[in-house]
Protein backbone atom coordinates (compact mmCIF):
# COMPACT_ATOMS: atom_id res chain seq x y z
CA MET A 1 -15.19 31.61 17.12
CA LYS A 2 -15.91 31.63 13.84
CA LEU A 3 -17.33 28.21 12.21
CA GLN A 4 -17.12 27.86 7.94
CA ALA A 5 -17.70 25.00 5.89
CA PRO A 6 -15.36 22.38 5.54
CA LYS A 7 -13.62 21.83 1.87
CA GLN A 8 -15.90 19.14 -0.48
CA ILE A 9 -13.14 16.65 -0.60
CA THR A 10 -12.62 16.68 3.15
CA PHE A 11 -16.37 16.43 3.44
CA TRP A 12 -16.34 13.32 0.86
CA ILE A 13 -13.72 11.87 2.55
CA ALA A 14 -15.30 11.69 5.98
CA VAL A 15 -18.60 10.27 4.55
CA ILE A 16 -16.59 7.86 3.03
CA LEU A 17 -15.20 6.76 6.42
CA ALA A 18 -18.57 7.45 7.93
CA VAL A 19 -20.13 4.73 5.40
CA LEU A 20 -17.57 2.15 5.60
CA GLY A 21 -17.73 2.24 9.75
CA LEU A 22 -21.64 1.75 9.38
CA LEU A 23 -21.20 -1.14 6.56
CA GLY A 24 -18.39 -2.62 8.65
CA GLN A 25 -20.72 -2.65 11.87
CA LEU A 26 -23.57 -3.69 10.39
CA VAL A 27 -21.82 -6.49 7.56
CA VAL A 28 -18.76 -8.12 8.50
CA ILE A 29 -16.20 -7.20 6.18
CA PRO A 30 -12.73 -8.64 6.97
CA VAL A 31 -10.54 -5.85 7.50
CA VAL A 32 -13.19 -3.12 7.98
CA SER A 33 -15.58 -4.71 10.82
CA GLY A 34 -12.56 -4.61 13.10
CA VAL A 35 -12.05 -0.80 13.20
CA ALA A 36 -15.93 0.17 12.41
CA PHE A 37 -15.97 2.35 15.74
CA TRP A 38 -12.55 4.09 14.61
CA LEU A 39 -13.78 5.02 11.28
CA VAL A 40 -16.63 6.79 11.86
CA LEU A 41 -14.37 8.51 14.90
CA ALA A 42 -12.36 9.59 12.36
CA ALA A 43 -15.02 10.55 10.24
CA PHE A 44 -16.59 13.13 12.96
CA VAL A 45 -13.41 14.21 14.19
CA LEU A 46 -12.27 14.93 10.44
CA LEU A 47 -15.57 16.92 10.39
CA LEU A 48 -14.99 18.90 13.32
CA LEU A 49 -11.47 20.09 12.05
CA GLY A 50 -12.60 20.90 8.86
CA VAL A 51 -15.63 22.98 10.13
CA LEU A 52 -12.90 24.74 12.89
CA PHE A 53 -9.77 25.07 11.11
CA ASP A 54 -9.59 27.34 7.49
CA GLY A 55 -8.27 25.47 5.10
CA ILE A 56 -9.15 21.90 6.16
């Protein structure tokens, strides 16, 4: 299995999701705080898919 770097847009979307999730966990943000864990998990899965599959 050959791994490659994710596209730049994929990386930045994952970073934004992770930062929103972390902020939602540390500070009470009405919409984000309830799903903070899932945002961080989605960011991780997005990066994982970007590394495993070409073109993501």
